[in-house]
Amino acid sequence: MGEAERGESAPRLRISFWCSNGHETQPSFASDAQVPDTWDCPRCGFPAGQDRDNPPAPPRTEPYKTHLAYVRERRTDADGEAILAEALAKLRGEI
């Protein structure tokens, strides 16, 4: 089955996108489609934009935090001591 038998394809546009590593990708879009502002680079996965001189910044990944690290962000050592003392008092039957 050849192209001639399927009819005409929709008019296409090839748009260039560049990532912060300098990779260029050129996906094709239908001429009447809305072109997105960013496109994921197929080589490195970073976001790519249409401005070659000012590509989007790579996403900032935060290191994994344990539950204890999140608790320490919210509570001071004095708060922790008070909570521990209260829990121990309940276990000992003092409260």
N, C-alpha and C. Protein backbone atom coordinates (compact mmCIF):
# COMPACT_ATOMS: atom_id res chain seq x y z
N MET A 1 0.86 -1.17 0.00
CA MET A 1 0.00 0.00 0.00
C MET A 1 0.90 1.23 0.00
N GLY A 2 0.85 2.00 -1.03
CA GLY A 2 1.70 3.17 -1.14
C GLY A 2 1.04 4.43 -0.62
N GLU A 3 1.81 5.48 -0.54
CA GLU A 3 1.30 6.76 -0.05
C GLU A 3 0.19 7.28 -0.94
N ALA A 4 0.30 7.07 -2.25
CA ALA A 4 -0.71 7.57 -3.18
C ALA A 4 -2.07 6.93 -2.93
N GLU A 5 -2.08 5.71 -2.45
CA GLU A 5 -3.34 5.02 -2.22
C GLU A 5 -4.04 5.48 -0.94
N ARG A 6 -3.29 6.06 0.01
CA ARG A 6 -3.87 6.50 1.28
C ARG A 6 -4.37 7.93 1.24
N GLY A 7 -4.08 8.66 0.22
CA GLY A 7 -4.49 10.05 0.16
C GLY A 7 -3.37 10.98 0.58
N GLU A 8 -3.66 12.23 0.65
CA GLU A 8 -2.64 13.23 0.99
C GLU A 8 -2.47 13.32 2.50
N SER A 9 -1.23 13.53 2.91
CA SER A 9 -0.97 13.72 4.34
C SER A 9 -1.18 15.19 4.68
N ALA A 10 -1.40 15.44 5.94
CA ALA A 10 -1.61 16.81 6.41
C ALA A 10 -0.32 17.61 6.24
N PRO A 11 -0.43 18.89 5.93
CA PRO A 11 0.78 19.72 5.85
C PRO A 11 1.49 19.76 7.20
N ARG A 12 2.80 19.66 7.15
CA ARG A 12 3.61 19.56 8.37
C ARG A 12 4.59 20.72 8.49
N LEU A 13 4.96 21.02 9.75
CA LEU A 13 6.02 21.98 10.08
C LEU A 13 7.06 21.26 10.92
N ARG A 14 8.32 21.47 10.63
CA ARG A 14 9.40 20.94 11.47
C ARG A 14 9.93 22.10 12.30
N ILE A 15 9.83 21.98 13.61
CA ILE A 15 10.25 23.04 14.53
C ILE A 15 11.48 22.55 15.29
N SER A 16 12.50 23.40 15.37
CA SER A 16 13.73 23.05 16.09
C SER A 16 13.60 23.43 17.56
N PHE A 17 14.04 22.52 18.43
CA PHE A 17 14.10 22.74 19.86
C PHE A 17 15.52 22.42 20.32
N TRP A 18 16.06 23.22 21.25
CA TRP A 18 17.41 23.02 21.79
C TRP A 18 17.33 22.89 23.30
N CYS A 19 18.11 21.93 23.84
CA CYS A 19 18.19 21.76 25.29
C CYS A 19 19.45 22.47 25.81
N SER A 20 19.64 22.46 27.12
CA SER A 20 20.79 23.15 27.71
C SER A 20 22.11 22.46 27.38
N ASN A 21 22.08 21.21 26.91
CA ASN A 21 23.29 20.51 26.49
C ASN A 21 23.63 20.78 25.02
N GLY A 22 22.82 21.58 24.34
CA GLY A 22 23.08 21.92 22.95
C GLY A 22 22.53 20.92 21.95
N HIS A 23 21.77 19.95 22.40
CA HIS A 23 21.17 18.98 21.48
C HIS A 23 20.00 19.64 20.75
N GLU A 24 19.89 19.35 19.47
CA GLU A 24 18.77 19.87 18.68
C GLU A 24 17.86 18.71 18.29
N THR A 25 16.59 18.92 18.43
CA THR A 25 15.60 17.95 17.96
C THR A 25 14.58 18.69 17.11
N GLN A 26 14.08 18.03 16.08
CA GLN A 26 13.15 18.67 15.16
C GLN A 26 11.90 17.82 14.98
N PRO A 27 10.99 17.84 15.95
CA PRO A 27 9.74 17.11 15.75
C PRO A 27 8.88 17.81 14.70
N SER A 28 8.02 17.05 14.06
CA SER A 28 7.14 17.65 13.08
C SER A 28 5.74 17.76 13.67
N PHE A 29 5.08 18.85 13.34
CA PHE A 29 3.74 19.13 13.82
C PHE A 29 2.85 19.43 12.63
N ALA A 30 1.58 19.16 12.76
CA ALA A 30 0.63 19.57 11.73
C ALA A 30 0.65 21.09 11.67
N SER A 31 0.48 21.63 10.48
CA SER A 31 0.61 23.09 10.31
C SER A 31 -0.43 23.85 11.12
N ASP A 32 -1.56 23.24 11.42
CA ASP A 32 -2.59 23.95 12.18
C ASP A 32 -2.57 23.58 13.67
N ALA A 33 -1.59 22.79 14.11
CA ALA A 33 -1.49 22.39 15.51
C ALA A 33 -0.80 23.47 16.33
N GLN A 34 -1.12 23.51 17.62
CA GLN A 34 -0.47 24.44 18.53
C GLN A 34 0.88 23.85 18.93
N VAL A 35 1.95 24.58 18.70
CA VAL A 35 3.31 24.11 19.01
C VAL A 35 3.59 24.39 20.48
N PRO A 36 4.05 23.38 21.26
CA PRO A 36 4.33 23.60 22.68
C PRO A 36 5.56 24.49 22.88
N ASP A 37 5.63 25.12 24.04
CA ASP A 37 6.77 25.97 24.36
C ASP A 37 8.04 25.15 24.59
N THR A 38 7.89 23.99 25.21
CA THR A 38 9.04 23.13 25.48
C THR A 38 8.78 21.74 24.94
N TRP A 39 9.88 21.00 24.74
CA TRP A 39 9.83 19.64 24.23
C TRP A 39 10.92 18.87 24.94
N ASP A 40 10.67 17.64 25.34
CA ASP A 40 11.70 16.84 26.01
C ASP A 40 12.76 16.39 25.00
N CYS A 41 14.02 16.61 25.34
CA CYS A 41 15.12 16.21 24.47
C CYS A 41 15.20 14.68 24.45
N PRO A 42 15.19 14.06 23.27
CA PRO A 42 15.25 12.59 23.23
C PRO A 42 16.62 12.03 23.59
N ARG A 43 17.66 12.86 23.59
CA ARG A 43 19.01 12.37 23.90
C ARG A 43 19.32 12.40 25.39
N CYS A 44 18.95 13.51 26.07
CA CYS A 44 19.30 13.62 27.49
C CYS A 44 18.09 13.73 28.41
N GLY A 45 16.90 14.00 27.86
CA GLY A 45 15.69 14.09 28.67
C GLY A 45 15.44 15.46 29.27
N PHE A 46 16.36 16.42 29.09
CA PHE A 46 16.15 17.76 29.61
C PHE A 46 15.10 18.49 28.77
N PRO A 47 14.45 19.50 29.33
CA PRO A 47 13.51 20.27 28.53
C PRO A 47 14.26 21.08 27.46
N ALA A 48 13.65 21.20 26.30
CA ALA A 48 14.25 21.95 25.19
C ALA A 48 13.28 23.04 24.78
N GLY A 49 13.81 24.19 24.38
CA GLY A 49 13.00 25.31 23.94
C GLY A 49 13.37 25.72 22.53
N GLN A 50 12.61 26.65 21.98
CA GLN A 50 12.83 27.08 20.60
C GLN A 50 13.93 28.12 20.46
N ASP A 51 14.35 28.73 21.56
CA ASP A 51 15.41 29.73 21.52
C ASP A 51 16.76 29.04 21.70
N ARG A 52 17.56 29.02 20.65
CA ARG A 52 18.83 28.30 20.70
C ARG A 52 19.81 28.91 21.71
N ASP A 53 19.80 30.24 21.83
CA ASP A 53 20.74 30.93 22.71
C ASP A 53 20.30 30.94 24.18
N ASN A 54 19.03 30.65 24.43
CA ASN A 54 18.52 30.68 25.80
C ASN A 54 17.62 29.47 26.05
N PRO A 55 18.19 28.26 26.10
CA PRO A 55 17.35 27.07 26.33
C PRO A 55 16.86 27.02 27.77
N PRO A 56 15.79 26.28 28.04
CA PRO A 56 15.30 26.16 29.42
C PRO A 56 16.34 25.47 30.31
N ALA A 57 16.34 25.86 31.56
CA ALA A 57 17.27 25.27 32.52
C ALA A 57 16.86 23.83 32.83
N PRO A 58 17.84 22.96 33.08
CA PRO A 58 17.48 21.59 33.46
C PRO A 58 16.74 21.58 34.79
N PRO A 59 15.87 20.61 34.98
CA PRO A 59 15.12 20.58 36.24
C PRO A 59 16.04 20.32 37.42
N ARG A 60 15.73 20.95 38.53
CA ARG A 60 16.53 20.78 39.74
C ARG A 60 15.96 19.61 40.52
N THR A 61 16.79 18.62 40.75
CA THR A 61 16.34 17.46 41.51
C THR A 61 16.86 17.57 42.93
N GLU A 62 15.97 17.38 43.86
CA GLU A 62 16.33 17.46 45.26
C GLU A 62 16.75 16.07 45.73
N PRO A 63 17.74 16.00 46.60
CA PRO A 63 18.15 14.68 47.11
C PRO A 63 17.04 14.05 47.94
N TYR A 64 17.07 12.73 48.02
CA TYR A 64 16.08 11.99 48.80
C TYR A 64 16.22 12.34 50.27
N LYS A 65 15.09 12.60 50.92
CA LYS A 65 15.10 12.87 52.35
C LYS A 65 14.31 11.79 53.07
N THR A 66 14.81 11.38 54.20
CA THR A 66 14.11 10.41 55.03
C THR A 66 13.01 11.12 55.82
N HIS A 67 12.14 10.33 56.41
CA HIS A 67 11.09 10.89 57.26
C HIS A 67 11.70 11.69 58.41
N LEU A 68 12.78 11.17 58.97
CA LEU A 68 13.44 11.85 60.08
C LEU A 68 13.98 13.22 59.65
N ALA A 69 14.48 13.32 58.43
CA ALA A 69 14.99 14.61 57.95
C ALA A 69 13.87 15.63 57.84
N TYR A 70 12.68 15.19 57.39
CA TYR A 70 11.54 16.11 57.31
C TYR A 70 11.09 16.52 58.71
N VAL A 71 11.11 15.59 59.66
CA VAL A 71 10.72 15.92 61.03
C VAL A 71 11.69 16.93 61.61
N ARG A 72 12.98 16.74 61.36
CA ARG A 72 13.98 17.67 61.90
C ARG A 72 13.86 19.07 61.30
N GLU A 73 13.31 19.17 60.09
CA GLU A 73 13.08 20.49 59.51
C GLU A 73 11.96 21.22 60.24
N ARG A 74 10.96 20.46 60.71
CA ARG A 74 9.80 21.07 61.34
C ARG A 74 9.96 21.30 62.84
N ARG A 75 10.77 20.49 63.49
CA ARG A 75 10.85 20.54 64.95
C ARG A 75 12.28 20.82 65.41
N THR A 76 12.38 21.53 66.52
CA THR A 76 13.69 21.76 67.12
C THR A 76 14.03 20.58 68.02
N ASP A 77 15.26 20.55 68.47
CA ASP A 77 15.68 19.47 69.39
C ASP A 77 14.88 19.53 70.69
N ALA A 78 14.57 20.74 71.15
CA ALA A 78 13.80 20.89 72.39
C ALA A 78 12.39 20.32 72.20
N ASP A 79 11.78 20.56 71.04
CA ASP A 79 10.46 19.99 70.75
C ASP A 79 10.53 18.46 70.75
N GLY A 80 11.57 17.93 70.15
CA GLY A 80 11.74 16.49 70.11
C GLY A 80 11.88 15.88 71.49
N GLU A 81 12.66 16.55 72.34
CA GLU A 81 12.84 16.07 73.72
C GLU A 81 11.51 16.08 74.47
N ALA A 82 10.71 17.12 74.29
CA ALA A 82 9.42 17.21 74.98
C ALA A 82 8.47 16.12 74.50
N ILE A 83 8.43 15.86 73.19
CA ILE A 83 7.56 14.81 72.66
C ILE A 83 8.01 13.45 73.15
N LEU A 84 9.31 13.21 73.19
CA LEU A 84 9.84 11.94 73.68
C LEU A 84 9.51 11.75 75.16
N ALA A 85 9.68 12.79 75.95
CA ALA A 85 9.37 12.69 77.38
C ALA A 85 7.89 12.39 77.60
N GLU A 86 7.03 13.00 76.80
CA GLU A 86 5.59 12.75 76.92
C GLU A 86 5.26 11.31 76.55
N ALA A 87 5.85 10.82 75.45
CA ALA A 87 5.59 9.44 75.03
C ALA A 87 6.08 8.44 76.06
N LEU A 88 7.26 8.68 76.66
CA LEU A 88 7.77 7.78 77.68
C LEU A 88 6.91 7.81 78.93
N ALA A 89 6.40 8.97 79.26
CA ALA A 89 5.53 9.08 80.44
C ALA A 89 4.24 8.28 80.21
N LYS A 90 3.69 8.31 78.98
CA LYS A 90 2.49 7.53 78.68
C LYS A 90 2.79 6.04 78.78
N LEU A 91 3.95 5.62 78.29
CA LEU A 91 4.29 4.20 78.35
C LEU A 91 4.49 3.73 79.78
N ARG A 92 5.02 4.59 80.62
CA ARG A 92 5.25 4.23 82.02
C ARG A 92 3.98 4.34 82.87
N GLY A 93 2.92 4.87 82.27
CA GLY A 93 1.65 5.02 83.00
C GLY A 93 1.62 6.23 83.91
N GLU A 94 2.48 7.19 83.70
CA GLU A 94 2.53 8.38 84.53
C GLU A 94 1.49 9.41 84.11
N ILE A 95 0.98 9.26 82.91
CA ILE A 95 -0.02 10.23 82.43
C ILE A 95 -1.36 9.55 82.33
